[in-house]
PDB file of N, CA and C in Angstrom:
ATOM      1  N   MET A   1       0.845  -1.092  -0.103  1.00  0.00           N
ATOM      2  CA  MET A   1      -0.167   0.178   0.192  1.00  0.00           C
ATOM      3  C   MET A   1       0.868   1.151   0.045  1.00  0.00           C
ATOM      4  N   THR A   2       0.498   2.224  -0.805  1.00  0.00           N
ATOM      5  CA  THR A   2       1.174   3.611  -0.916  1.00  0.00           C
ATOM      6  C   THR A   2       0.916   4.605   0.021  1.00  0.00           C
ATOM      7  N   VAL A   3       1.689   5.085   0.756  1.00  0.00           N
ATOM      8  CA  VAL A   3       1.436   6.389   1.850  1.00  0.00           C
ATOM      9  C   VAL A   3       1.391   7.466   1.227  1.00  0.00           C
ATOM     10  N   THR A   4       2.140   7.915   0.059  1.00  0.00           N
ATOM     11  CA  THR A   4       2.100   9.582  -0.314  1.00  0.00           C
ATOM     12  C   THR A   4       0.663   9.946  -0.668  1.00  0.00           C
ATOM     13  N   PRO A   5      -0.368   9.158  -1.245  1.00  0.00           N
ATOM     14  CA  PRO A   5      -1.371   9.613  -1.720  1.00  0.00           C
ATOM     15  C   PRO A   5      -2.001   9.989  -0.342  1.00  0.00           C
ATOM     16  N   LEU A   6      -2.305   9.418   0.888  1.00  0.00           N
ATOM     17  CA  LEU A   6      -2.774   9.879   1.728  1.00  0.00           C
ATOM     18  C   LEU A   6      -2.409  11.385   2.118  1.00  0.00           C
ATOM     19  N   TYR A   7      -1.249  11.765   2.098  1.00  0.00           N
ATOM     20  CA  TYR A   7      -0.722  12.917   2.493  1.00  0.00           C
ATOM     21  C   TYR A   7      -1.044  13.984   1.558  1.00  0.00           C
ATOM     22  N   ALA A   8      -1.213  13.418   0.291  1.00  0.00           N
ATOM     23  CA  ALA A   8      -1.190  14.211  -0.997  1.00  0.00           C
ATOM     24  C   ALA A   8      -2.782  14.699  -0.743  1.00  0.00           C
ATOM     25  N   ALA A   9      -3.686  13.863  -0.398  1.00  0.00           N
ATOM     26  CA  ALA A   9      -5.290  14.221  -0.096  1.00  0.00           C
ATOM     27  C   ALA A   9      -5.414  15.081   1.098  1.00  0.00           C
ATOM     28  N   ILE A  10      -4.521  14.802   2.326  1.00  0.00           N
ATOM     29  CA  ILE A  10      -4.662  15.621   3.498  1.00  0.00           C
ATOM     30  C   ILE A  10      -4.222  17.338   3.256  1.00  0.00           C
ATOM     31  N   LEU A  11      -3.241  17.462   2.490  1.00  0.00           N
ATOM     32  CA  LEU A  11      -2.632  18.453   1.938  1.00  0.00           C
ATOM     33  C   LEU A  11      -3.555  19.288   0.958  1.00  0.00           C
ATOM     34  N   GLY A  12      -3.941  18.388   0.054  1.00  0.00           N
ATOM     35  CA  GLY A  12      -4.941  19.064  -0.916  1.00  0.00           C
ATOM     36  C   GLY A  12      -6.032  19.547  -0.156  1.00  0.00           C
ATOM     37  N   LEU A  13      -6.431  19.082   0.933  1.00  0.00           N
ATOM     38  CA  LEU A  13      -7.647  19.517   1.565  1.00  0.00           C
ATOM     39  C   LEU A  13      -7.436  20.802   2.547  1.00  0.00           C
ATOM     40  N   VAL A  14      -6.079  20.991   2.659  1.00  0.00           N
ATOM     41  CA  VAL A  14      -5.410  22.234   3.512  1.00  0.00           C
ATOM     42  C   VAL A  14      -5.421  23.166   2.177  1.00  0.00           C
ATOM     43  N   PHE A  15      -4.882  23.137   1.069  1.00  0.00           N
ATOM     44  CA  PHE A  15      -5.049  23.851   0.123  1.00  0.00           C
ATOM     45  C   PHE A  15      -6.241  24.616  -0.257  1.00  0.00           C
ATOM     46  N   VAL A  16      -7.309  23.662  -0.487  1.00  0.00           N
ATOM     47  CA  VAL A  16      -8.897  24.354  -0.393  1.00  0.00           C
ATOM     48  C   VAL A  16      -9.241  25.228   0.887  1.00  0.00           C
ATOM     49  N   ALA A  17      -8.851  24.867   1.865  1.00  0.00           N
ATOM     50  CA  ALA A  17      -8.996  25.617   3.151  1.00  0.00           C
ATOM     51  C   ALA A  17      -8.519  27.192   2.818  1.00  0.00           C
ATOM     52  N   LEU A  18      -6.942  26.805   2.545  1.00  0.00           N
ATOM     53  CA  LEU A  18      -6.580  28.232   2.556  1.00  0.00           C
ATOM     54  C   LEU A  18      -6.686  28.811   1.212  1.00  0.00           C
ATOM     55  N   SER A  19      -7.454  28.522   0.468  1.00  0.00           N
ATOM     56  CA  SER A  19      -7.946  29.063  -0.748  1.00  0.00           C
ATOM     57  C   SER A  19      -9.545  29.809  -0.194  1.00  0.00           C
ATOM     58  N   LEU A  20     -10.051  29.048   0.250  1.00  0.00           N
ATOM     59  CA  LEU A  20     -11.393  29.511   0.665  1.00  0.00           C
ATOM     60  C   LEU A  20     -11.083  30.683   1.858  1.00  0.00           C
ATOM     61  N   GLN A  21     -10.198  30.607   2.658  1.00  0.00           N
ATOM     62  CA  GLN A  21      -9.559  31.777   3.650  1.00  0.00           C
ATOM     63  C   GLN A  21      -9.540  33.124   2.740  1.00  0.00           C
ATOM     64  N   THR A  22      -8.748  32.719   1.653  1.00  0.00           N
ATOM     65  CA  THR A  22      -8.292  33.914   1.159  1.00  0.00           C
ATOM     66  C   THR A  22      -9.623  34.557   0.163  1.00  0.00           C
ATOM     67  N   ILE A  23     -10.686  33.721  -0.199  1.00  0.00           N
ATOM     68  CA  ILE A  23     -11.535  34.141  -1.133  1.00  0.00           C
ATOM     69  C   ILE A  23     -12.542  34.781  -0.208  1.00  0.00           C
ATOM     70  N   ARG A  24     -12.608  34.306   1.200  1.00  0.00           N
ATOM     71  CA  ARG A  24     -13.475  35.082   2.096  1.00  0.00           C
ATOM     72  C   ARG A  24     -12.903  36.263   2.173  1.00  0.00           C
ATOM     73  N   LEU A  25     -11.739  36.653   2.654  1.00  0.00           N
ATOM     74  CA  LEU A  25     -11.027  38.124   3.045  1.00  0.00           C
ATOM     75  C   LEU A  25     -11.050  38.958   1.611  1.00  0.00           C
ATOM     76  N   ARG A  26     -11.011  38.432   0.613  1.00  0.00           N
ATOM     77  CA  ARG A  26     -11.340  39.289  -0.682  1.00  0.00           C
ATOM     78  C   ARG A  26     -12.647  39.649  -0.529  1.00  0.00           C
ATOM     79  N   ARG A  27     -13.644  38.912  -0.270  1.00  0.00           N
ATOM     80  CA  ARG A  27     -15.125  39.477  -0.268  1.00  0.00           C
ATOM     81  C   ARG A  27     -15.054  39.959   0.651  1.00  0.00           C
ATOM     82  N   ARG A  28     -14.437  40.029   1.724  1.00  0.00           N
ATOM     83  CA  ARG A  28     -14.774  40.949   2.986  1.00  0.00           C
ATOM     84  C   ARG A  28     -14.137  42.217   2.952  1.00  0.00           C
ATOM     85  N   HIS A  29     -13.164  42.543   2.183  1.00  0.00           N
ATOM     86  CA  HIS A  29     -12.717  43.520   1.837  1.00  0.00           C
ATOM     87  C   HIS A  29     -12.653  44.277   0.459  1.00  0.00           C
ATOM     88  N   ARG A  30     -13.660  43.503  -0.470  1.00  0.00           N
ATOM     89  CA  ARG A  30     -14.065  44.073  -1.692  1.00  0.00           C
ATOM     90  C   ARG A  30     -12.858  44.019  -2.499  1.00  0.00           C
ATOM     91  N   VAL A  31     -11.970  42.934  -2.758  1.00  0.00           N
ATOM     92  CA  VAL A  31     -10.623  43.043  -3.403  1.00  0.00           C
ATOM     93  C   VAL A  31     -10.797  41.998  -4.488  1.00  0.00           C
ATOM     94  N   ALA A  32     -10.526  42.481  -5.675  1.00  0.00           N
ATOM     95  CA  ALA A  32     -10.721  41.231  -6.579  1.00  0.00           C
ATOM     96  C   ALA A  32      -9.624  40.770  -7.168  1.00  0.00           C
ATOM     97  N   LEU A  33      -8.664  41.930  -7.160  1.00  0.00           N
ATOM     98  CA  LEU A  33      -7.047  41.147  -7.706  1.00  0.00           C
ATOM     99  C   LEU A  33      -6.084  42.202  -6.696  1.00  0.00           C
ATOM    100  N   GLY A  34      -4.950  41.636  -6.371  1.00  0.00           N
ATOM    101  CA  GLY A  34      -3.835  42.263  -5.440  1.00  0.00           C
ATOM    102  C   GLY A  34      -4.472  42.169  -3.973  1.00  0.00           C
ATOM    103  N   ASP A  35      -4.062  43.055  -3.305  1.00  0.00           N
ATOM    104  CA  ASP A  35      -4.168  42.837  -1.769  1.00  0.00           C
ATOM    105  C   ASP A  35      -5.128  43.930  -1.153  1.00  0.00           C
ATOM    106  N   GLY A  36      -5.278  45.231  -1.965  1.00  0.00           N
ATOM    107  CA  GLY A  36      -5.952  46.191  -1.765  1.00  0.00           C
ATOM    108  C   GLY A  36      -5.532  46.862  -0.580  1.00  0.00           C
ATOM    109  N   ASN A  37      -4.189  46.661  -0.110  1.00  0.00           N
ATOM    110  CA  ASN A  37      -3.557  46.901   1.119  1.00  0.00           C
ATOM    111  C   ASN A  37      -4.055  46.474   2.435  1.00  0.00           C
ATOM    112  N   GLN A  38      -4.587  45.796   2.333  1.00  0.00           N
ATOM    113  CA  GLN A  38      -4.955  44.832   3.562  1.00  0.00           C
ATOM    114  C   GLN A  38      -4.167  43.910   4.147  1.00  0.00           C
ATOM    115  N   ALA A  39      -3.693  44.344   5.148  1.00  0.00           N
ATOM    116  CA  ALA A  39      -2.884  43.068   5.870  1.00  0.00           C
ATOM    117  C   ALA A  39      -3.155  41.820   5.843  1.00  0.00           C
ATOM    118  N   PRO A  40      -4.661  41.624   6.595  1.00  0.00           N
ATOM    119  CA  PRO A  40      -4.840  40.201   6.569  1.00  0.00           C
ATOM    120  C   PRO A  40      -4.883  39.400   5.308  1.00  0.00           C
ATOM    121  N   LEU A  41      -5.509  40.088   4.102  1.00  0.00           N
ATOM    122  CA  LEU A  41      -5.515  39.755   2.603  1.00  0.00           C
ATOM    123  C   LEU A  41      -4.259  39.173   2.496  1.00  0.00           C
ATOM    124  N   ARG A  42      -3.335  40.303   2.739  1.00  0.00           N
ATOM    125  CA  ARG A  42      -1.811  40.130   2.086  1.00  0.00           C
ATOM    126  C   ARG A  42      -0.984  38.872   2.623  1.00  0.00           C
ATOM    127  N   ARG A  43      -1.590  38.732   3.945  1.00  0.00           N
ATOM    128  CA  ARG A  43      -1.145  37.634   4.505  1.00  0.00           C
ATOM    129  C   ARG A  43      -1.522  36.317   4.091  1.00  0.00           C
ATOM    130  N   ALA A  44      -3.050  36.184   3.983  1.00  0.00           N
ATOM    131  CA  ALA A  44      -3.525  34.882   3.275  1.00  0.00           C
ATOM    132  C   ALA A  44      -3.015  34.681   1.909  1.00  0.00           C
ATOM    133  N   MET A  45      -2.836  35.410   1.352  1.00  0.00           N
ATOM    134  CA  MET A  45      -2.263  35.329  -0.004  1.00  0.00           C
ATOM    135  C   MET A  45      -1.007  34.864   0.054  1.00  0.00           C
ATOM    136  N   ARG A  46      -0.291  35.271   0.852  1.00  0.00           N
ATOM    137  CA  ARG A  46       1.044  34.673   0.914  1.00  0.00           C
ATOM    138  C   ARG A  46       1.365  33.632   1.410  1.00  0.00           C
ATOM    139  N   VAL A  47       0.355  32.992   2.425  1.00  0.00           N
ATOM    140  CA  VAL A  47       0.395  31.553   2.942  1.00  0.00           C
ATOM    141  C   VAL A  47       0.094  30.601   2.079  1.00  0.00           C
ATOM    142  N   HIS A  48      -1.064  31.213   0.997  1.00  0.00           N
ATOM    143  CA  HIS A  48      -1.503  30.308   0.220  1.00  0.00           C
ATOM    144  C   HIS A  48      -0.591  29.928  -1.075  1.00  0.00           C
ATOM    145  N   ALA A  49       0.301  31.054  -1.355  1.00  0.00           N
ATOM    146  CA  ALA A  49       1.247  30.979  -2.477  1.00  0.00           C
ATOM    147  C   ALA A  49       2.391  30.115  -1.784  1.00  0.00           C
ATOM    148  N   ASN A  50       2.906  30.489  -0.597  1.00  0.00           N
ATOM    149  CA  ASN A  50       3.887  29.699  -0.150  1.00  0.00           C
ATOM    150  C   ASN A  50       3.569  28.285  -0.113  1.00  0.00           C
ATOM    151  N   PHE A  51       2.625  27.938   0.497  1.00  0.00           N
ATOM    152  CA  PHE A  51       1.784  26.428   0.323  1.00  0.00           C
ATOM    153  C   PHE A  51       2.105  25.838  -1.238  1.00  0.00           C
ATOM    154  N   ALA A  52       1.451  26.608  -1.854  1.00  0.00           N
ATOM    155  CA  ALA A  52       1.447  26.077  -3.533  1.00  0.00           C
ATOM    156  C   ALA A  52       2.921  26.049  -3.905  1.00  0.00           C
ATOM    157  N   GLU A  53       3.743  26.932  -3.712  1.00  0.00           N
ATOM    158  CA  GLU A  53       5.196  26.824  -4.328  1.00  0.00           C
ATOM    159  C   GLU A  53       6.101  25.680  -3.235  1.00  0.00           C
ATOM    160  N   TYR A  54       5.806  25.108  -2.143  1.00  0.00           N
ATOM    161  CA  TYR A  54       6.578  24.107  -1.351  1.00  0.00           C
ATOM    162  C   TYR A  54       6.071  22.782  -1.752  1.00  0.00           C
ATOM    163  N   VAL A  55       4.498  22.723  -1.559  1.00  0.00           N
ATOM    164  CA  VAL A  55       4.026  21.456  -1.273  1.00  0.00           C
ATOM    165  C   VAL A  55       3.890  20.527  -2.565  1.00  0.00           C
ATOM    166  N   PRO A  56       3.899  21.115  -3.906  1.00  0.00           N
ATOM    167  CA  PRO A  56       3.994  20.023  -4.884  1.00  0.00           C
ATOM    168  C   PRO A  56       5.191  19.433  -4.994  1.00  0.00           C
ATOM    169  N   LEU A  57       6.331  20.120  -4.530  1.00  0.00           N
ATOM    170  CA  LEU A  57       8.063  19.624  -4.963  1.00  0.00           C
ATOM    171  C   LEU A  57       7.876  18.681  -3.901  1.00  0.00           C
ATOM    172  N   ALA A  58       7.526  18.838  -2.410  1.00  0.00           N
ATOM    173  CA  ALA A  58       7.716  18.086  -1.582  1.00  0.00           C
ATOM    174  C   ALA A  58       6.986  16.666  -1.661  1.00  0.00           C
ATOM    175  N   LEU A  59       5.457  16.716  -2.383  1.00  0.00           N
ATOM    176  CA  LEU A  59       4.993  15.406  -2.506  1.00  0.00           C
ATOM    177  C   LEU A  59       5.573  14.849  -3.762  1.00  0.00           C
ATOM    178  N   LEU A  60       5.975  15.652  -4.679  1.00  0.00           N
ATOM    179  CA  LEU A  60       6.906  14.975  -5.742  1.00  0.00           C
ATOM    180  C   LEU A  60       8.116  14.117  -5.243  1.00  0.00           C
ATOM    181  N   LEU A  61       8.685  14.502  -4.347  1.00  0.00           N
ATOM    182  CA  LEU A  61       9.812  13.940  -3.774  1.00  0.00           C
ATOM    183  C   LEU A  61       9.447  12.790  -3.035  1.00  0.00           C
ATOM    184  N   MET A  62       8.363  13.077  -2.223  1.00  0.00           N
ATOM    185  CA  MET A  62       7.791  11.973  -1.489  1.00  0.00           C
ATOM    186  C   MET A  62       7.567  10.694  -2.376  1.00  0.00           C
ATOM    187  N   PHE A  63       6.809  10.975  -3.165  1.00  0.00           N
ATOM    188  CA  PHE A  63       6.507   9.912  -4.240  1.00  0.00           C
ATOM    189  C   PHE A  63       7.718   9.350  -4.674  1.00  0.00           C
ATOM    190  N   PHE A  64       8.617   9.808  -5.099  1.00  0.00           N
ATOM    191  CA  PHE A  64       9.841   9.172  -5.759  1.00  0.00           C
ATOM    192  C   PHE A  64      10.763   8.371  -4.821  1.00  0.00           C
ATOM    193  N   VAL A  65      10.520   9.014  -3.358  1.00  0.00           N
ATOM    194  CA  VAL A  65      11.315   8.206  -2.385  1.00  0.00           C
ATOM    195  C   VAL A  65      10.397   6.773  -2.193  1.00  0.00           C
ATOM    196  N   GLU A  66       9.310   6.885  -1.995  1.00  0.00           N
ATOM    197  CA  GLU A  66       8.313   5.866  -1.963  1.00  0.00           C
ATOM    198  C   GLU A  66       8.253   4.889  -2.865  1.00  0.00           C
ATOM    199  N   ARG A  67       8.468   5.112  -4.232  1.00  0.00           N
ATOM    200  CA  ARG A  67       8.762   4.306  -5.305  1.00  0.00           C
ATOM    201  C   ARG A  67      10.328   3.784  -5.483  1.00  0.00           C
ATOM    202  N   GLY A  68      11.333   4.578  -4.885  1.00  0.00           N
ATOM    203  CA  GLY A  68      12.282   3.857  -4.679  1.00  0.00           C
ATOM    204  C   GLY A  68      12.835   3.045  -3.424  1.00  0.00           C
ATOM    205  N   GLY A  69      11.624   2.704  -2.704  1.00  0.00           N
ATOM    206  CA  GLY A  69      11.959   1.799  -1.450  1.00  0.00           C
ATOM    207  C   GLY A  69      11.859   2.306  -0.217  1.00  0.00           C
ATOM    208  N   GLY A  70      11.482   3.771  -0.307  1.00  0.00           N
ATOM    209  CA  GLY A  70      11.244   4.117   1.370  1.00  0.00           C
ATOM    210  C   GLY A  70      10.094   3.174   1.798  1.00  0.00           C
ATOM    211  N   SER A  71      10.580   3.195   3.596  1.00  0.00           N
ATOM    212  CA  SER A  71       9.692   2.260   3.955  1.00  0.00           C
ATOM    213  C   SER A  71       8.329   3.163   4.481  1.00  0.00           C
ATOM    214  N   ALA A  72       7.110   2.490   5.023  1.00  0.00           N
ATOM    215  CA  ALA A  72       6.173   3.196   5.165  1.00  0.00           C
ATOM    216  C   ALA A  72       6.227   3.939   6.518  1.00  0.00           C
ATOM    217  N   LEU A  73       7.152   3.474   7.042  1.00  0.00           N
ATOM    218  CA  LEU A  73       7.409   4.519   8.239  1.00  0.00           C
ATOM    219  C   LEU A  73       8.213   5.788   7.943  1.00  0.00           C
ATOM    220  N   ARG A  74       9.402   5.744   7.085  1.00  0.00           N
ATOM    221  CA  ARG A  74       9.976   6.982   6.516  1.00  0.00           C
ATOM    222  C   ARG A  74       8.901   7.702   5.858  1.00  0.00           C
ATOM    223  N   MET A  75       7.864   7.132   5.152  1.00  0.00           N
ATOM    224  CA  MET A  75       6.921   8.116   4.575  1.00  0.00           C
ATOM    225  C   MET A  75       5.984   8.756   5.229  1.00  0.00           C
ATOM    226  N   HIS A  76       5.709   8.018   6.632  1.00  0.00           N
ATOM    227  CA  HIS A  76       4.612   8.650   7.519  1.00  0.00           C
ATOM    228  C   HIS A  76       5.289   9.701   8.182  1.00  0.00           C
ATOM    229  N   ILE A  77       6.978   9.520   8.292  1.00  0.00           N
ATOM    230  CA  ILE A  77       7.521  10.818   9.189  1.00  0.00           C
ATOM    231  C   ILE A  77       7.601  11.729   8.179  1.00  0.00           C
ATOM    232  N   LEU A  78       8.134  11.542   6.862  1.00  0.00           N
ATOM    233  CA  LEU A  78       8.096  12.780   6.084  1.00  0.00           C
ATOM    234  C   LEU A  78       6.438  13.408   5.693  1.00  0.00           C
ATOM    235  N   GLY A  79       5.887  12.739   5.428  1.00  0.00           N
ATOM    236  CA  GLY A  79       4.334  13.439   5.325  1.00  0.00           C
ATOM    237  C   GLY A  79       3.645  14.197   6.791  1.00  0.00           C
ATOM    238  N   ILE A  80       3.840  13.361   8.005  1.00  0.00           N
ATOM    239  CA  ILE A  80       3.630  14.255   9.047  1.00  0.00           C
ATOM    240  C   ILE A  80       4.356  15.285   9.190  1.00  0.00           C
ATOM    241  N   ALA A  81       5.482  15.294   9.262  1.00  0.00           N
ATOM    242  CA  ALA A  81       6.489  16.333   9.024  1.00  0.00           C
ATOM    243  C   ALA A  81       6.225  17.629   8.178  1.00  0.00           C
ATOM    244  N   LEU A  82       5.740  17.283   6.963  1.00  0.00           N
ATOM    245  CA  LEU A  82       5.363  18.017   6.030  1.00  0.00           C
ATOM    246  C   LEU A  82       3.743  18.925   6.353  1.00  0.00           C
ATOM    247  N   ILE A  83       2.792  18.060   6.801  1.00  0.00           N
ATOM    248  CA  ILE A  83       1.624  18.418   7.417  1.00  0.00           C
ATOM    249  C   ILE A  83       1.828  19.679   8.491  1.00  0.00           C
ATOM    250  N   ALA A  84       2.723  19.233   9.564  1.00  0.00           N
ATOM    251  CA  ALA A  84       2.816  19.775  10.600  1.00  0.00           C
ATOM    252  C   ALA A  84       3.658  21.101   9.979  1.00  0.00           C
ATOM    253  N   GLY A  85       4.727  21.186   9.070  1.00  0.00           N
ATOM    254  CA  GLY A  85       5.430  22.349   8.896  1.00  0.00           C
ATOM    255  C   GLY A  85       4.442  23.244   8.122  1.00  0.00           C
ATOM    256  N   ARG A  86       3.527  22.895   7.248  1.00  0.00           N
ATOM    257  CA  ARG A  86       2.641  23.796   6.510  1.00  0.00           C
ATOM    258  C   ARG A  86       1.883  24.518   7.345  1.00  0.00           C
ATOM    259  N   LEU A  87       1.414  23.454   8.310  1.00  0.00           N
ATOM    260  CA  LEU A  87       0.212  24.146   9.229  1.00  0.00           C
ATOM    261  C   LEU A  87       0.821  25.584  10.387  1.00  0.00           C
ATOM    262  N   LEU A  88       1.778  24.774  10.626  1.00  0.00           N
ATOM    263  CA  LEU A  88       2.704  25.939  11.542  1.00  0.00           C
ATOM    264  C   LEU A  88       2.957  27.108  11.008  1.00  0.00           C
ATOM    265  N   HIS A  89       3.490  26.874   9.701  1.00  0.00           N
ATOM    266  CA  HIS A  89       3.793  28.093   8.668  1.00  0.00           C
ATOM    267  C   HIS A  89       2.494  28.945   8.490  1.00  0.00           C
ATOM    268  N   ALA A  90       1.614  28.209   8.175  1.00  0.00           N
ATOM    269  CA  ALA A  90       0.288  28.915   7.875  1.00  0.00           C
ATOM    270  C   ALA A  90       0.052  29.834   9.161  1.00  0.00           C
ATOM    271  N   TRP A  91       0.099  29.161  10.188  1.00  0.00           N
ATOM    272  CA  TRP A  91      -0.578  29.981  11.463  1.00  0.00           C
ATOM    273  C   TRP A  91       0.485  30.962  11.644  1.00  0.00           C
ATOM    274  N   GLY A  92       1.721  30.907  11.636  1.00  0.00           N
ATOM    275  CA  GLY A  92       2.452  32.262  11.796  1.00  0.00           C
ATOM    276  C   GLY A  92       2.280  33.370  10.930  1.00  0.00           C
ATOM    277  N   VAL A  93       2.367  32.933   9.709  1.00  0.00           N
ATOM    278  CA  VAL A  93       2.226  33.910   8.585  1.00  0.00           C
ATOM    279  C   VAL A  93       1.058  34.886   8.762  1.00  0.00           C
ATOM    280  N   SER A  94       0.047  33.754   9.193  1.00  0.00           N
ATOM    281  CA  SER A  94      -1.206  34.524   9.022  1.00  0.00           C
ATOM    282  C   SER A  94      -1.739  35.293  10.071  1.00  0.00           C
ATOM    283  N   GLN A  95      -1.244  35.345  11.320  1.00  0.00           N
ATOM    284  CA  GLN A  95      -1.471  36.287  12.313  1.00  0.00           C
ATOM    285  C   GLN A  95      -0.683  37.717  12.173  1.00  0.00           C
ATOM    286  N   VAL A  96      -1.532  38.884  11.970  1.00  0.00           N
ATOM    287  CA  VAL A  96      -1.091  40.432  11.762  1.00  0.00           C
ATOM    288  C   VAL A  96       0.032  40.495  12.793  1.00  0.00           C
ATOM    289  N   GLN A  97       0.025  39.839  14.152  1.00  0.00           N
ATOM    290  CA  GLN A  97       0.698  40.144  14.870  1.00  0.00           C
ATOM    291  C   GLN A  97       1.678  38.755  14.777  1.00  0.00           C
ATOM    292  N   GLU A  98       2.836  38.912  13.442  1.00  0.00           N
ATOM    293  CA  GLU A  98       3.165  37.600  13.173  1.00  0.00           C
ATOM    294  C   GLU A  98       4.304  36.944  14.594  1.00  0.00           C
ATOM    295  N   ASN A  99       3.799  35.465  14.619  1.00  0.00           N
ATOM    296  CA  ASN A  99       4.890  34.960  15.527  1.00  0.00           C
ATOM    297  C   ASN A  99       6.107  34.142  14.468  1.00  0.00           C
ATOM    298  N   LEU A 100       6.998  34.807  14.423  1.00  0.00           N
ATOM    299  CA  LEU A 100       8.315  33.757  13.838  1.00  0.00           C
ATOM    300  C   LEU A 100       8.710  32.623  14.556  1.00  0.00           C
ATOM    301  N   ARG A 101       8.327  32.330  15.370  1.00  0.00           N
ATOM    302  CA  ARG A 101       8.847  30.907  15.633  1.00  0.00           C
ATOM    303  C   ARG A 101       7.983  30.134  15.107  1.00  0.00           C
ATOM    304  N   TYR A 102       6.578  30.062  14.554  1.00  0.00           N
ATOM    305  CA  TYR A 102       5.815  29.039  13.869  1.00  0.00           C
ATOM    306  C   TYR A 102       6.196  29.199  12.593  1.00  0.00           C
ATOM    307  N   ARG A 103       6.217  30.385  11.966  1.00  0.00           N
ATOM    308  CA  ARG A 103       6.932  30.312  10.672  1.00  0.00           C
ATOM    309  C   ARG A 103       8.201  29.836  10.284  1.00  0.00           C
ATOM    310  N   THR A 104       9.127  29.831  11.484  1.00  0.00           N
ATOM    311  CA  THR A 104      10.354  29.320  11.248  1.00  0.00           C
ATOM    312  C   THR A 104      10.187  27.918  11.659  1.00  0.00           C
ATOM    313  N   ILE A 105       9.539  27.493  12.320  1.00  0.00           N
ATOM    314  CA  ILE A 105       9.491  25.857  12.638  1.00  0.00           C
ATOM    315  C   ILE A 105       8.854  25.274  11.395  1.00  0.00           C
ATOM    316  N   GLY A 106       7.962  26.041  11.169  1.00  0.00           N
ATOM    317  CA  GLY A 106       7.055  25.550   9.654  1.00  0.00           C
ATOM    318  C   GLY A 106       8.069  25.343   8.483  1.00  0.00           C
ATOM    319  N   MET A 107       8.777  26.336   8.480  1.00  0.00           N
ATOM    320  CA  MET A 107      10.052  26.190   7.040  1.00  0.00           C
ATOM    321  C   MET A 107      11.031  25.083   7.196  1.00  0.00           C
ATOM    322  N   VAL A 108      11.444  25.493   8.915  1.00  0.00           N
ATOM    323  CA  VAL A 108      12.515  24.116   9.296  1.00  0.00           C
ATOM    324  C   VAL A 108      12.024  22.875   8.798  1.00  0.00           C
ATOM    325  N   LEU A 109      10.578  22.192   9.311  1.00  0.00           N
ATOM    326  CA  LEU A 109       9.839  21.250   8.855  1.00  0.00           C
ATOM    327  C   LEU A 109       9.841  20.787   7.402  1.00  0.00           C
ATOM    328  N   THR A 110       9.315  21.799   6.587  1.00  0.00           N
ATOM    329  CA  THR A 110       9.271  22.070   5.170  1.00  0.00           C
ATOM    330  C   THR A 110      10.631  21.657   4.607  1.00  0.00           C
ATOM    331  N   PHE A 111      11.592  22.269   5.153  1.00  0.00           N
ATOM    332  CA  PHE A 111      12.469  22.337   4.188  1.00  0.00           C
ATOM    333  C   PHE A 111      13.450  20.722   5.015  1.00  0.00           C
ATOM    334  N   SER A 112      13.128  20.220   5.803  1.00  0.00           N
ATOM    335  CA  SER A 112      13.609  19.086   6.330  1.00  0.00           C
ATOM    336  C   SER A 112      13.253  17.634   5.552  1.00  0.00           C
ATOM    337  N   VAL A 113      11.728  17.811   5.158  1.00  0.00           N
ATOM    338  CA  VAL A 113      11.290  16.863   4.238  1.00  0.00           C
ATOM    339  C   VAL A 113      11.907  16.815   3.054  1.00  0.00           C
ATOM    340  N   ILE A 114      12.098  18.175   2.169  1.00  0.00           N
ATOM    341  CA  ILE A 114      12.732  18.191   0.875  1.00  0.00           C
ATOM    342  C   ILE A 114      14.082  17.676   1.059  1.00  0.00           C
ATOM    343  N   ILE A 115      14.891  18.125   1.943  1.00  0.00           N
ATOM    344  CA  ILE A 115      16.239  17.983   1.771  1.00  0.00           C
ATOM    345  C   ILE A 115      16.584  16.381   2.314  1.00  0.00           C
ATOM    346  N   SER A 116      15.761  15.905   3.041  1.00  0.00           N
ATOM    347  CA  SER A 116      15.899  14.312   3.503  1.00  0.00           C
ATOM    348  C   SER A 116      15.541  13.345   2.134  1.00  0.00           C
ATOM    349  N   ALA A 117      14.456  13.854   1.554  1.00  0.00           N
ATOM    350  CA  ALA A 117      13.940  13.063   0.261  1.00  0.00           C
ATOM    351  C   ALA A 117      14.876  13.335  -0.654  1.00  0.00           C
ATOM    352  N   CYS A 118      15.341  14.419  -0.909  1.00  0.00           N
ATOM    353  CA  CYS A 118      16.440  14.539  -2.163  1.00  0.00           C
ATOM    354  C   CYS A 118      17.517  13.856  -1.623  1.00  0.00           C
ATOM    355  N   LEU A 119      18.065  13.833  -0.442  1.00  0.00           N
ATOM    356  CA  LEU A 119      19.223  12.891  -0.012  1.00  0.00           C
ATOM    357  C   LEU A 119      19.333  11.360  -0.219  1.00  0.00           C
ATOM    358  N   PHE A 120      17.949  11.060   0.260  1.00  0.00           N
ATOM    359  CA  PHE A 120      17.762   9.636  -0.019  1.00  0.00           C
ATOM    360  C   PHE A 120      17.444   9.044  -1.233  1.00  0.00           C
ATOM    361  N   LEU A 121      17.102  10.153  -2.435  1.00  0.00           N
ATOM    362  CA  LEU A 121      16.914   9.874  -3.443  1.00  0.00           C
ATOM    363  C   LEU A 121      18.635   9.994  -4.230  1.00  0.00           C
ATOM    364  N   LEU A 122      19.369  10.477  -3.754  1.00  0.00           N
ATOM    365  CA  LEU A 122      20.867  10.712  -4.073  1.00  0.00           C
ATOM    366  C   LEU A 122      21.651   9.792  -3.914  1.00  0.00           C
ATOM    367  N   PHE A 123      21.480   9.268  -2.611  1.00  0.00           N
ATOM    368  CA  PHE A 123      22.056   8.271  -1.917  1.00  0.00           C
ATOM    369  C   PHE A 123      21.669   6.802  -2.699  1.00  0.00           C
ATOM    370  N   ALA A 124      20.313   6.588  -2.992  1.00  0.00           N
ATOM    371  CA  ALA A 124      19.746   5.536  -3.367  1.00  0.00           C
ATOM    372  C   ALA A 124      20.655   5.374  -4.966  1.00  0.00           C
ATOM    373  N   ARG A 125      20.509   5.948  -5.487  1.00  0.00           N
ATOM    374  CA  ARG A 125      20.942   6.089  -6.756  1.00  0.00           C
ATOM    375  C   ARG A 125      22.657   5.884  -6.700  1.00  0.00           C
ATOM    376  N   VAL A 126      23.414   6.385  -5.577  1.00  0.00           N
ATOM    377  CA  VAL A 126      24.989   6.349  -5.822  1.00  0.00           C
ATOM    378  C   VAL A 126      25.143   4.889  -5.221  1.00  0.00           C
ATOM    379  N   PHE A 127      24.644   4.621  -4.213  1.00  0.00           N
ATOM    380  CA  PHE A 127      25.112   3.277  -3.271  1.00  0.00           C
ATOM    381  C   PHE A 127      24.243   2.140  -3.735  1.00  0.00           C
TER     382      PHE A 127
END
């Protein structure tokens, strides 16, 4: 049984939730394009965009790791770390009084998933 689709599905739902939050703020502030100089909307847009920038690559790398023989445990660790990282980052950035701790931990977790998957794939090919 493959594990990555489980995390892809969960993260897909998070992506929709972030999209809906951005839409809700656009409607509230009556802004069709851009951020209308509204800090909460600007933050929601960045949370959504940042998610869209990192999650597809991380999931693709996870898929390759799994296809390359990554154990179910390894995949669950990567998947849980990616979800936790993205949720912490989203929470940290979405706050008008931004908490850099959540943002930083979120990015560290996200980068850890990407880097560890890359290293697994590189070492699997070399050794």
